[in-house]
PDB file of N, CA and C in Angstrom:
ATOM      1  N   MET A   1      88.556  41.865  66.170  1.00  0.00           N
ATOM      2  CA  MET A   1      87.191  41.942  65.713  1.00  0.00           C
ATOM      3  C   MET A   1      86.966  43.187  64.871  1.00  0.00           C
ATOM      4  N   SER A   2      87.604  44.287  65.208  1.00  0.00           N
ATOM      5  CA  SER A   2      87.430  45.491  64.432  1.00  0.00           C
ATOM      6  C   SER A   2      87.954  45.308  63.019  1.00  0.00           C
ATOM      7  N   GLY A   3      88.968  44.432  62.852  1.00  0.00           N
ATOM      8  CA  GLY A   3      89.470  44.120  61.518  1.00  0.00           C
ATOM      9  C   GLY A   3      88.414  43.410  60.696  1.00  0.00           C
ATOM     10  N   SER A   4      87.657  42.516  61.321  1.00  0.00           N
ATOM     11  CA  SER A   4      86.581  41.788  60.635  1.00  0.00           C
ATOM     12  C   SER A   4      85.488  42.746  60.183  1.00  0.00           C
ATOM     13  N   VAL A   5      85.136  43.680  61.054  1.00  0.00           N
ATOM     14  CA  VAL A   5      84.096  44.643  60.725  1.00  0.00           C
ATOM     15  C   VAL A   5      84.559  45.505  59.553  1.00  0.00           C
ATOM     16  N   LEU A   6      85.820  45.907  59.573  1.00  0.00           N
ATOM     17  CA  LEU A   6      86.355  46.714  58.472  1.00  0.00           C
ATOM     18  C   LEU A   6      86.363  45.917  57.167  1.00  0.00           C
ATOM     19  N   ASN A   7      86.702  44.644  57.252  1.00  0.00           N
ATOM     20  CA  ASN A   7      86.684  43.783  56.054  1.00  0.00           C
ATOM     21  C   ASN A   7      85.273  43.659  55.493  1.00  0.00           C
ATOM     22  N   VAL A   8      84.301  43.469  56.391  1.00  0.00           N
ATOM     23  CA  VAL A   8      82.909  43.362  55.956  1.00  0.00           C
ATOM     24  C   VAL A   8      82.458  44.685  55.350  1.00  0.00           C
ATOM     25  N   ALA A   9      82.807  45.807  55.985  1.00  0.00           N
ATOM     26  CA  ALA A   9      82.421  47.117  55.472  1.00  0.00           C
ATOM     27  C   ALA A   9      83.053  47.355  54.106  1.00  0.00           C
ATOM     28  N   GLU A  10      84.312  46.971  53.952  1.00  0.00           N
ATOM     29  CA  GLU A  10      84.993  47.132  52.661  1.00  0.00           C
ATOM     30  C   GLU A  10      84.341  46.245  51.594  1.00  0.00           C
ATOM     31  N   SER A  11      83.978  45.044  51.966  1.00  0.00           N
ATOM     32  CA  SER A  11      83.312  44.129  51.027  1.00  0.00           C
ATOM     33  C   SER A  11      81.951  44.682  50.602  1.00  0.00           C
ATOM     34  N   ILE A  12      81.216  45.238  51.554  1.00  0.00           N
ATOM     35  CA  ILE A  12      79.906  45.823  51.240  1.00  0.00           C
ATOM     36  C   ILE A  12      80.084  47.008  50.299  1.00  0.00           C
ATOM     37  N   LYS A  13      81.118  47.803  50.527  1.00  0.00           N
ATOM     38  CA  LYS A  13      81.390  48.944  49.654  1.00  0.00           C
ATOM     39  C   LYS A  13      81.718  48.477  48.237  1.00  0.00           C
ATOM     40  N   GLU A  14      82.522  47.418  48.132  1.00  0.00           N
ATOM     41  CA  GLU A  14      82.867  46.865  46.810  1.00  0.00           C
ATOM     42  C   GLU A  14      81.613  46.330  46.109  1.00  0.00           C
ATOM     43  N   ILE A  15      80.775  45.638  46.860  1.00  0.00           N
ATOM     44  CA  ILE A  15      79.533  45.104  46.289  1.00  0.00           C
ATOM     45  C   ILE A  15      78.650  46.255  45.822  1.00  0.00           C
ATOM     46  N   SER A  16      78.555  47.301  46.624  1.00  0.00           N
ATOM     47  CA  SER A  16      77.742  48.460  46.259  1.00  0.00           C
ATOM     48  C   SER A  16      78.268  49.103  44.978  1.00  0.00           C
ATOM     49  N   THR A  17      79.590  49.226  44.866  1.00  0.00           N
ATOM     50  CA  THR A  17      80.193  49.793  43.663  1.00  0.00           C
ATOM     51  C   THR A  17      79.903  48.914  42.447  1.00  0.00           C
ATOM     52  N   LEU A  18      80.030  47.604  42.630  1.00  0.00           N
ATOM     53  CA  LEU A  18      79.751  46.681  41.526  1.00  0.00           C
ATOM     54  C   LEU A  18      78.286  46.746  41.101  1.00  0.00           C
ATOM     55  N   VAL A  19      77.374  46.852  42.058  1.00  0.00           N
ATOM     56  CA  VAL A  19      75.949  46.951  41.750  1.00  0.00           C
ATOM     57  C   VAL A  19      75.671  48.250  40.994  1.00  0.00           C
ATOM     58  N   ASP A  20      76.290  49.349  41.437  1.00  0.00           N
ATOM     59  CA  ASP A  20      76.128  50.626  40.743  1.00  0.00           C
ATOM     60  C   ASP A  20      76.629  50.530  39.304  1.00  0.00           C
ATOM     61  N   ASP A  21      77.806  49.908  39.131  1.00  0.00           N
ATOM     62  CA  ASP A  21      78.352  49.733  37.781  1.00  0.00           C
ATOM     63  C   ASP A  21      77.420  48.893  36.915  1.00  0.00           C
ATOM     64  N   GLN A  22      76.870  47.849  37.510  1.00  0.00           N
ATOM     65  CA  GLN A  22      75.961  46.976  36.762  1.00  0.00           C
ATOM     66  C   GLN A  22      74.691  47.735  36.373  1.00  0.00           C
ATOM     67  N   LEU A  23      74.177  48.554  37.267  1.00  0.00           N
ATOM     68  CA  LEU A  23      72.981  49.350  36.955  1.00  0.00           C
ATOM     69  C   LEU A  23      73.253  50.318  35.808  1.00  0.00           C
ATOM     70  N   LYS A  24      74.443  50.932  35.810  1.00  0.00           N
ATOM     71  CA  LYS A  24      74.804  51.847  34.726  1.00  0.00           C
ATOM     72  C   LYS A  24      74.858  51.101  33.397  1.00  0.00           C
ATOM     73  N   GLU A  25      75.430  49.906  33.415  1.00  0.00           N
ATOM     74  CA  GLU A  25      75.501  49.095  32.192  1.00  0.00           C
ATOM     75  C   GLU A  25      74.105  48.694  31.721  1.00  0.00           C
ATOM     76  N   MET A  26      73.230  48.389  32.660  1.00  0.00           N
ATOM     77  CA  MET A  26      71.857  48.034  32.298  1.00  0.00           C
ATOM     78  C   MET A  26      71.143  49.226  31.672  1.00  0.00           C
ATOM     79  N   GLU A  27      71.355  50.407  32.222  1.00  0.00           N
ATOM     80  CA  GLU A  27      70.747  51.613  31.645  1.00  0.00           C
ATOM     81  C   GLU A  27      71.289  51.867  30.245  1.00  0.00           C
ATOM     82  N   SER A  28      72.588  51.650  30.079  1.00  0.00           N
ATOM     83  CA  SER A  28      73.196  51.834  28.756  1.00  0.00           C
ATOM     84  C   SER A  28      72.622  50.835  27.758  1.00  0.00           C
ATOM     85  N   THR A  29      72.470  49.604  28.193  1.00  0.00           N
ATOM     86  CA  THR A  29      71.902  48.569  27.322  1.00  0.00           C
ATOM     87  C   THR A  29      70.461  48.907  26.956  1.00  0.00           C
ATOM     88  N   GLN A  30      69.708  49.409  27.923  1.00  0.00           N
ATOM     89  CA  GLN A  30      68.321  49.787  27.658  1.00  0.00           C
ATOM     90  C   GLN A  30      68.267  50.926  26.634  1.00  0.00           C
ATOM     91  N   ALA A  31      69.137  51.916  26.795  1.00  0.00           N
ATOM     92  CA  ALA A  31      69.160  53.044  25.853  1.00  0.00           C
ATOM     93  C   ALA A  31      69.516  52.555  24.454  1.00  0.00           C
ATOM     94  N   LYS A  32      70.474  51.647  24.363  1.00  0.00           N
ATOM     95  CA  LYS A  32      70.865  51.109  23.053  1.00  0.00           C
ATOM     96  C   LYS A  32      69.724  50.309  22.442  1.00  0.00           C
ATOM     97  N   SER A  33      69.013  49.558  23.262  1.00  0.00           N
ATOM     98  CA  SER A  33      67.867  48.785  22.759  1.00  0.00           C
ATOM     99  C   SER A  33      66.783  49.713  22.239  1.00  0.00           C
ATOM    100  N   GLN A  34      66.567  50.820  22.933  1.00  0.00           N
ATOM    101  CA  GLN A  34      65.571  51.787  22.465  1.00  0.00           C
ATOM    102  C   GLN A  34      66.003  52.414  21.154  1.00  0.00           C
ATOM    103  N   ASN A  35      67.299  52.666  20.999  1.00  0.00           N
ATOM    104  CA  ASN A  35      67.798  53.208  19.725  1.00  0.00           C
ATOM    105  C   ASN A  35      67.575  52.220  18.590  1.00  0.00           C
ATOM    106  N   VAL A  36      67.853  50.953  18.868  1.00  0.00           N
ATOM    107  CA  VAL A  36      67.646  49.921  17.845  1.00  0.00           C
ATOM    108  C   VAL A  36      66.164  49.837  17.476  1.00  0.00           C
ATOM    109  N   ALA A  37      65.297  49.919  18.484  1.00  0.00           N
ATOM    110  CA  ALA A  37      63.853  49.876  18.217  1.00  0.00           C
ATOM    111  C   ALA A  37      63.421  51.066  17.373  1.00  0.00           C
ATOM    112  N   ALA A  38      63.972  52.242  17.669  1.00  0.00           N
ATOM    113  CA  ALA A  38      63.625  53.437  16.888  1.00  0.00           C
ATOM    114  C   ALA A  38      64.090  53.293  15.444  1.00  0.00           C
ATOM    115  N   ILE A  39      65.282  52.757  15.256  1.00  0.00           N
ATOM    116  CA  ILE A  39      65.799  52.540  13.895  1.00  0.00           C
ATOM    117  C   ILE A  39      64.922  51.536  13.155  1.00  0.00           C
ATOM    118  N   ALA A  40      64.507  50.493  13.855  1.00  0.00           N
ATOM    119  CA  ALA A  40      63.637  49.487  13.229  1.00  0.00           C
ATOM    120  C   ALA A  40      62.308  50.111  12.811  1.00  0.00           C
ATOM    121  N   GLU A  41      61.760  50.977  13.649  1.00  0.00           N
ATOM    122  CA  GLU A  41      60.508  51.655  13.302  1.00  0.00           C
ATOM    123  C   GLU A  41      60.679  52.534  12.075  1.00  0.00           C
ATOM    124  N   GLU A  42      61.788  53.276  12.030  1.00  0.00           N
ATOM    125  CA  GLU A  42      62.052  54.148  10.885  1.00  0.00           C
ATOM    126  C   GLU A  42      62.223  53.321   9.612  1.00  0.00           C
ATOM    127  N   THR A  43      62.911  52.196   9.737  1.00  0.00           N
ATOM    128  CA  THR A  43      63.109  51.320   8.579  1.00  0.00           C
ATOM    129  C   THR A  43      61.770  50.769   8.097  1.00  0.00           C
ATOM    130  N   SER A  44      60.936  50.383   9.050  1.00  0.00           N
ATOM    131  CA  SER A  44      59.616  49.865   8.699  1.00  0.00           C
ATOM    132  C   SER A  44      58.778  50.935   7.997  1.00  0.00           C
ATOM    133  N   ALA A  45      58.831  52.152   8.521  1.00  0.00           N
ATOM    134  CA  ALA A  45      58.078  53.249   7.901  1.00  0.00           C
ATOM    135  C   ALA A  45      58.599  53.527   6.499  1.00  0.00           C
ATOM    136  N   GLY A  46      59.924  53.496   6.339  1.00  0.00           N
ATOM    137  CA  GLY A  46      60.508  53.707   5.018  1.00  0.00           C
ATOM    138  C   GLY A  46      60.097  52.618   4.048  1.00  0.00           C
ATOM    139  N   SER A  47      60.055  51.390   4.526  1.00  0.00           N
ATOM    140  CA  SER A  47      59.628  50.275   3.678  1.00  0.00           C
ATOM    141  C   SER A  47      58.172  50.428   3.265  1.00  0.00           C
ATOM    142  N   GLU A  48      57.350  50.889   4.191  1.00  0.00           N
ATOM    143  CA  GLU A  48      55.926  51.096   3.891  1.00  0.00           C
ATOM    144  C   GLU A  48      55.760  52.196   2.841  1.00  0.00           C
ATOM    145  N   GLU A  49      56.523  53.269   2.986  1.00  0.00           N
ATOM    146  CA  GLU A  49      56.458  54.348   1.999  1.00  0.00           C
ATOM    147  C   GLU A  49      56.920  53.844   0.632  1.00  0.00           C
ATOM    148  N   MET A  50      57.939  53.015   0.637  1.00  0.00           N
ATOM    149  CA  MET A  50      58.447  52.466  -0.616  1.00  0.00           C
ATOM    150  C   MET A  50      57.399  51.573  -1.282  1.00  0.00           C
ATOM    151  N   ARG A  51      56.735  50.746  -0.475  1.00  0.00           N
ATOM    152  CA  ARG A  51      55.693  49.868  -1.006  1.00  0.00           C
ATOM    153  C   ARG A  51      54.572  50.700  -1.621  1.00  0.00           C
ATOM    154  N   ALA A  52      54.180  51.761  -0.924  1.00  0.00           N
ATOM    155  CA  ALA A  52      53.107  52.626  -1.437  1.00  0.00           C
ATOM    156  C   ALA A  52      53.530  53.281  -2.751  1.00  0.00           C
ATOM    157  N   THR A  53      54.774  53.708  -2.829  1.00  0.00           N
ATOM    158  CA  THR A  53      55.274  54.328  -4.059  1.00  0.00           C
ATOM    159  C   THR A  53      55.291  53.325  -5.203  1.00  0.00           C
ATOM    160  N   ILE A  54      55.713  52.116  -4.918  1.00  0.00           N
ATOM    161  CA  ILE A  54      55.736  51.068  -5.955  1.00  0.00           C
ATOM    162  C   ILE A  54      54.328  50.776  -6.439  1.00  0.00           C
ATOM    163  N   GLU A  55      53.361  50.732  -5.519  1.00  0.00           N
ATOM    164  CA  GLU A  55      51.966  50.509  -5.923  1.00  0.00           C
ATOM    165  C   GLU A  55      51.470  51.645  -6.813  1.00  0.00           C
ATOM    166  N   GLU A  56      51.818  52.879  -6.437  1.00  0.00           N
ATOM    167  CA  GLU A  56      51.419  54.029  -7.258  1.00  0.00           C
ATOM    168  C   GLU A  56      52.038  53.938  -8.647  1.00  0.00           C
ATOM    169  N   GLN A  57      53.306  53.536  -8.715  1.00  0.00           N
ATOM    170  CA  GLN A  57      53.970  53.416 -10.007  1.00  0.00           C
ATOM    171  C   GLN A  57      53.331  52.310 -10.836  1.00  0.00           C
ATOM    172  N   ALA A  58      52.942  51.219 -10.182  1.00  0.00           N
ATOM    173  CA  ALA A  58      52.280  50.126 -10.906  1.00  0.00           C
ATOM    174  C   ALA A  58      50.941  50.607 -11.468  1.00  0.00           C
ATOM    175  N   ASP A  59      50.184  51.356 -10.666  1.00  0.00           N
ATOM    176  CA  ASP A  59      48.910  51.912 -11.144  1.00  0.00           C
ATOM    177  C   ASP A  59      49.146  52.859 -12.312  1.00  0.00           C
ATOM    178  N   PHE A  60      50.170  53.702 -12.193  1.00  0.00           N
ATOM    179  CA  PHE A  60      50.497  54.640 -13.265  1.00  0.00           C
ATOM    180  C   PHE A  60      50.861  53.880 -14.539  1.00  0.00           C
ATOM    181  N   ALA A  61      51.642  52.801 -14.408  1.00  0.00           N
ATOM    182  CA  ALA A  61      52.042  52.012 -15.573  1.00  0.00           C
ATOM    183  C   ALA A  61      50.810  51.379 -16.230  1.00  0.00           C
ATOM    184  N   GLU A  62      49.869  50.892 -15.423  1.00  0.00           N
ATOM    185  CA  GLU A  62      48.640  50.316 -15.979  1.00  0.00           C
ATOM    186  C   GLU A  62      47.829  51.378 -16.730  1.00  0.00           C
ATOM    187  N   ASN A  63      47.725  52.559 -16.125  1.00  0.00           N
ATOM    188  CA  ASN A  63      47.000  53.644 -16.794  1.00  0.00           C
ATOM    189  C   ASN A  63      47.687  54.048 -18.086  1.00  0.00           C
ATOM    190  N   LEU A  64      48.995  54.108 -18.049  1.00  0.00           N
ATOM    191  CA  LEU A  64      49.765  54.469 -19.238  1.00  0.00           C
ATOM    192  C   LEU A  64      49.568  53.435 -20.341  1.00  0.00           C
ATOM    193  N   GLU A  65      49.554  52.170 -19.974  1.00  0.00           N
ATOM    194  CA  GLU A  65      49.322  51.108 -20.956  1.00  0.00           C
ATOM    195  C   GLU A  65      47.930  51.239 -21.564  1.00  0.00           C
ATOM    196  N   SER A  66      46.953  51.508 -20.715  1.00  0.00           N
ATOM    197  CA  SER A  66      45.580  51.676 -21.201  1.00  0.00           C
ATOM    198  C   SER A  66      45.482  52.857 -22.165  1.00  0.00           C
ATOM    199  N   LEU A  67      46.141  53.963 -21.800  1.00  0.00           N
ATOM    200  CA  LEU A  67      46.136  55.133 -22.689  1.00  0.00           C
ATOM    201  C   LEU A  67      46.827  54.826 -24.011  1.00  0.00           C
ATOM    202  N   ALA A  68      47.914  54.073 -23.964  1.00  0.00           N
ATOM    203  CA  ALA A  68      48.638  53.722 -25.187  1.00  0.00           C
ATOM    204  C   ALA A  68      47.775  52.847 -26.094  1.00  0.00           C
ATOM    205  N   ILE A  69      47.050  51.906 -25.500  1.00  0.00           N
ATOM    206  CA  ILE A  69      46.161  51.046 -26.283  1.00  0.00           C
ATOM    207  C   ILE A  69      45.042  51.880 -26.907  1.00  0.00           C
ATOM    208  N   ASN A  70      44.474  52.791 -26.119  1.00  0.00           N
ATOM    209  CA  ASN A  70      43.415  53.662 -26.614  1.00  0.00           C
ATOM    210  C   ASN A  70      43.928  54.551 -27.745  1.00  0.00           C
ATOM    211  N   LEU A  71      45.120  55.098 -27.580  1.00  0.00           N
ATOM    212  CA  LEU A  71      45.719  55.944 -28.610  1.00  0.00           C
ATOM    213  C   LEU A  71      45.966  55.145 -29.885  1.00  0.00           C
ATOM    214  N   GLU A  72      46.387  53.913 -29.743  1.00  0.00           N
ATOM    215  CA  GLU A  72      46.626  53.056 -30.910  1.00  0.00           C
ATOM    216  C   GLU A  72      45.310  52.802 -31.652  1.00  0.00           C
ATOM    217  N   LYS A  73      44.233  52.566 -30.903  1.00  0.00           N
ATOM    218  CA  LYS A  73      42.923  52.351 -31.522  1.00  0.00           C
ATOM    219  C   LYS A  73      42.459  53.615 -32.249  1.00  0.00           C
ATOM    220  N   GLN A  74      42.659  54.774 -31.610  1.00  0.00           N
ATOM    221  CA  GLN A  74      42.262  56.031 -32.245  1.00  0.00           C
ATOM    222  C   GLN A  74      43.079  56.281 -33.515  1.00  0.00           C
ATOM    223  N   ALA A  75      44.362  55.960 -33.475  1.00  0.00           N
ATOM    224  CA  ALA A  75      45.199  56.140 -34.663  1.00  0.00           C
ATOM    225  C   ALA A  75      44.723  55.229 -35.788  1.00  0.00           C
ATOM    226  N   GLN A  76      44.357  54.002 -35.449  1.00  0.00           N
ATOM    227  CA  GLN A  76      43.871  53.069 -36.462  1.00  0.00           C
ATOM    228  C   GLN A  76      42.542  53.565 -37.042  1.00  0.00           C
ATOM    229  N   ASN A  77      41.653  54.077 -36.184  1.00  0.00           N
ATOM    230  CA  ASN A  77      40.374  54.625 -36.658  1.00  0.00           C
ATOM    231  C   ASN A  77      40.607  55.821 -37.574  1.00  0.00           C
ATOM    232  N   LEU A  78      41.528  56.686 -37.180  1.00  0.00           N
ATOM    233  CA  LEU A  78      41.839  57.857 -37.999  1.00  0.00           C
ATOM    234  C   LEU A  78      42.403  57.415 -39.349  1.00  0.00           C
ATOM    235  N   LYS A  79      43.262  56.433 -39.345  1.00  0.00           N
ATOM    236  CA  LYS A  79      43.840  55.916 -40.594  1.00  0.00           C
ATOM    237  C   LYS A  79      42.733  55.361 -41.490  1.00  0.00           C
ATOM    238  N   ASN A  80      41.795  54.630 -40.880  1.00  0.00           N
ATOM    239  CA  ASN A  80      40.679  54.072 -41.655  1.00  0.00           C
ATOM    240  C   ASN A  80      39.807  55.187 -42.240  1.00  0.00           C
ATOM    241  N   GLN A  81      39.561  56.219 -41.447  1.00  0.00           N
ATOM    242  CA  GLN A  81      38.730  57.327 -41.925  1.00  0.00           C
ATOM    243  C   GLN A  81      39.443  58.099 -43.037  1.00  0.00           C
ATOM    244  N   ILE A  82      40.726  58.291 -42.896  1.00  0.00           N
ATOM    245  CA  ILE A  82      41.489  58.978 -43.960  1.00  0.00           C
ATOM    246  C   ILE A  82      41.462  58.143 -45.244  1.00  0.00           C
ATOM    247  N   GLY A  83      41.526  56.836 -45.075  1.00  0.00           N
ATOM    248  CA  GLY A  83      41.502  55.935 -46.243  1.00  0.00           C
ATOM    249  C   GLY A  83      40.205  56.038 -47.020  1.00  0.00           C
ATOM    250  N   GLN A  84      39.136  56.413 -46.379  1.00  0.00           N
ATOM    251  CA  GLN A  84      37.841  56.532 -47.063  1.00  0.00           C
ATOM    252  C   GLN A  84      37.820  57.752 -47.985  1.00  0.00           C
ATOM    253  N   PHE A  85      38.631  58.740 -47.739  1.00  0.00           N
ATOM    254  CA  PHE A  85      38.622  59.979 -48.540  1.00  0.00           C
ATOM    255  C   PHE A  85      39.679  59.987 -49.622  1.00  0.00           C
ATOM    256  N   LYS A  86      40.440  58.934 -49.757  1.00  0.00           N
ATOM    257  CA  LYS A  86      41.465  58.903 -50.792  1.00  0.00           C
ATOM    258  C   LYS A  86      40.796  58.870 -52.163  1.00  0.00           C
ATOM    259  N   LEU A  87      41.366  59.626 -53.061  1.00  0.00           N
ATOM    260  CA  LEU A  87      40.865  59.627 -54.444  1.00  0.00           C
ATOM    261  C   LEU A  87      41.491  58.477 -55.203  1.00  0.00           C
ATOM    262  N   SER A  88      40.689  57.808 -55.927  1.00  0.00           N
ATOM    263  CA  SER A  88      41.201  56.681 -56.707  1.00  0.00           C
ATOM    264  C   SER A  88      41.502  57.093 -58.101  1.00  0.00           C
TER     265      SER A  88
END
């Protein structure tokens, strides 16, 4: 009977060791999942910053186009005004 008790005690010890190992693996998996979540957040933030920069560049391009059109109109007006003073 003492052999049976020792076998049961040894089995319980093995189960306890396996449970401890499994808990360590679960903690490791949780830490890795948190790292992945942090990377995803950083990627999302980077994408948002990129989108904002692209919007700013689009606004700048629109303003630049408007200024170019205005400058072209002013150049044409200046050319017309200079043409009025030409001596014939």
